[in-house]
Protein backbone atom coordinates (compact mmCIF):
# COMPACT_ATOMS: atom_id res chain seq x y z
CA MET A 1 -75.91 -9.30 37.95
CA TYR A 2 -75.47 -6.81 40.79
CA PHE A 3 -76.50 -3.23 40.11
CA ALA A 4 -74.84 -0.49 42.14
CA ASN A 5 -77.17 1.04 44.68
CA LEU A 6 -76.25 4.47 45.98
CA LYS A 7 -77.88 4.12 49.39
CA ASP A 8 -76.40 0.66 50.02
CA ASN A 9 -72.94 1.85 48.97
CA ILE A 10 -73.11 4.99 51.11
CA GLN A 11 -74.30 2.96 54.10
CA ASP A 12 -71.41 0.49 53.55
CA LEU A 13 -68.92 3.35 53.41
CA LYS A 14 -70.18 4.60 56.77
CA THR A 15 -70.65 1.23 58.47
CA HIS A 16 -67.81 -0.89 57.10
CA TYR A 17 -65.19 1.65 56.07
CA GLY A 18 -65.68 4.27 58.78
CA PHE A 19 -66.47 7.21 56.51
CA THR A 20 -67.38 10.32 58.46
CA ASP A 21 -69.35 13.34 57.28
CA LYS A 22 -65.98 15.00 56.62
CA ASP A 23 -65.07 12.11 54.29
CA PHE A 24 -68.44 12.22 52.52
CA LEU A 25 -68.15 15.97 52.04
CA LYS A 26 -64.61 15.64 50.70
CA TYR A 27 -65.31 12.86 48.19
CA PHE A 28 -68.96 13.45 47.33
CA GLY A 29 -69.62 17.10 48.20
CA LEU A 30 -72.56 16.05 50.36
CA SER A 31 -73.04 14.81 53.94
CA PHE A 32 -74.14 11.25 54.75
CA ASP A 33 -77.73 12.38 55.36
CA GLU A 34 -77.83 14.39 52.13
CA LEU A 35 -76.52 11.40 50.16
CA MET A 36 -79.14 9.11 51.69
CA GLU A 37 -81.86 11.50 50.47
CA ILE A 38 -80.69 11.57 46.82
CA GLN A 39 -83.24 9.98 44.48
CA ASN A 40 -82.73 8.54 41.01
CA ASP A 41 -85.75 10.42 39.67
CA GLY A 42 -84.19 13.24 37.71
CA ASP A 43 -81.39 14.33 40.05
CA VAL A 44 -78.52 15.01 37.63
CA ARG A 45 -75.96 14.20 40.34
CA TYR A 46 -77.25 10.65 40.81
CA GLY A 47 -75.17 8.84 38.16
CA ASN A 48 -71.92 10.48 39.22
CA LEU A 49 -72.59 9.72 42.88
CA VAL A 50 -73.41 6.07 42.13
CA GLU A 51 -70.19 5.75 40.13
CA LYS A 52 -68.05 7.26 42.90
CA SER A 53 -69.71 5.11 45.55
CA ALA A 54 -69.23 1.98 43.44
CA PHE A 55 -65.52 2.74 42.95
CA LEU A 56 -65.10 3.01 46.72
CA THR A 57 -67.00 -0.19 47.55
CA GLU A 58 -67.26 -2.73 44.72
CA PRO A 59 -63.56 -3.56 44.24
CA PHE A 60 -63.36 -4.43 47.94
CA ARG A 61 -66.38 -6.75 48.16
CA ASP A 62 -65.26 -10.35 48.20
CA ALA A 63 -61.84 -9.26 46.93
CA ASP A 64 -59.71 -12.27 46.07
CA ALA A 65 -55.95 -11.65 46.06
CA GLU A 66 -55.31 -14.14 43.25
CA GLU A 67 -57.96 -12.62 41.03
CA ARG A 68 -56.85 -9.07 41.82
CA LEU A 69 -53.20 -9.71 40.90
CA LYS A 70 -54.09 -11.49 37.67
CA LEU A 71 -56.47 -8.67 36.77
CA ILE A 72 -53.85 -5.97 37.29
CA ILE A 73 -51.31 -7.93 35.23
CA GLU A 74 -53.86 -8.26 32.43
CA SER A 75 -54.81 -4.59 32.68
CA LEU A 76 -51.20 -3.45 32.47
CA HIS A 77 -50.55 -5.75 29.51
CA VAL A 78 -53.76 -5.20 27.52
CA GLU A 79 -54.91 -1.68 28.42
CA LYS A 80 -51.55 -0.03 29.14
CA GLU A 81 -49.79 -2.14 26.46
CA LEU A 82 -46.80 -2.95 28.67
CA SER A 83 -44.82 -6.05 27.76
CA TYR A 84 -44.76 -8.99 30.13
CA GLN A 85 -41.02 -8.36 30.44
CA THR A 86 -41.66 -4.82 31.74
CA ILE A 87 -44.48 -5.92 34.06
CA ALA A 88 -42.29 -8.71 35.43
CA ALA A 89 -39.45 -6.28 36.10
CA TYR A 90 -41.76 -4.00 38.11
CA ALA A 91 -43.21 -7.03 39.91
CA GLN A 92 -39.72 -8.32 40.67
CA LEU A 93 -40.47 -11.64 38.99
CA GLU A 94 -38.98 -13.52 36.08
CA GLU A 95 -40.97 -13.00 32.87
CA LYS A 96 -41.75 -16.73 32.51
CA GLU A 97 -42.83 -16.88 36.14
CA LEU A 98 -45.25 -13.97 35.60
CA ILE A 99 -46.69 -15.45 32.40
CA ASP A 100 -47.11 -18.89 33.95
CA TYR A 101 -48.82 -17.36 36.99
CA SER A 102 -51.15 -15.31 34.77
CA ASN A 103 -52.04 -18.43 32.80
CA GLY A 104 -52.72 -20.39 35.98
CA THR A 105 -49.94 -22.92 35.39
CA LYS A 106 -47.69 -21.77 38.26
CA GLU A 107 -48.30 -20.63 41.81
CA LEU A 108 -46.43 -17.83 43.53
CA PHE A 109 -45.43 -17.73 47.18
CA TYR A 110 -47.50 -15.43 49.39
CA GLU A 111 -44.60 -12.96 49.67
CA GLN A 112 -44.20 -12.84 45.90
CA LYS A 113 -47.92 -12.18 45.40
CA PHE A 114 -47.98 -9.48 48.06
CA ASN A 115 -44.87 -7.75 46.71
CA SER A 116 -46.01 -8.03 43.08
CA CYS A 117 -49.51 -6.78 43.81
CA SER A 118 -48.19 -3.83 45.82
CA ARG A 119 -45.67 -2.81 43.18
CA LEU A 120 -48.01 -3.28 40.21
CA THR A 121 -50.84 -1.40 41.92
CA LEU A 122 -48.46 1.50 42.46
CA LEU A 123 -47.37 1.34 38.81
CA ASP A 124 -50.99 1.29 37.61
CA THR A 125 -51.88 4.22 39.88
CA PHE A 126 -48.89 6.19 38.63
CA LEU A 127 -49.74 5.49 34.99
CA ASN A 128 -53.39 6.47 35.52
CA ASN A 129 -52.91 9.57 37.62
CA CYS A 130 -49.52 11.00 36.80
CA LEU A 131 -48.97 10.08 33.18
CA ASN A 132 -52.64 9.87 32.15
CA VAL A 133 -52.02 6.70 30.16
């Protein structure tokens, strides 16, 4: 099991995602150098900083489009309690097509996956941030 490491995540944000000190200050309240000096030994900020850094790095490591789309469908259905009919409508798919894809018994075309993932990600973001569901 991989355990989030603050220094590795911060370094990845700088190296792979182009974060600047302005970005680090905006999202973490500390500069790159200050973040690299944070220690786990009693610094009350540590846990929060690890969590933020993990949210900005972990979902993008080895991200698989198939897995991501199936996960968002499951999240909307189980956590947000939306029906497959509703999710399919937002994804611009037929309900049976969505269910079969989620169950792994049907493939979608690349364009369908891209469109569905984009639309459902927007829906999930809206539900999380605007409606606090």
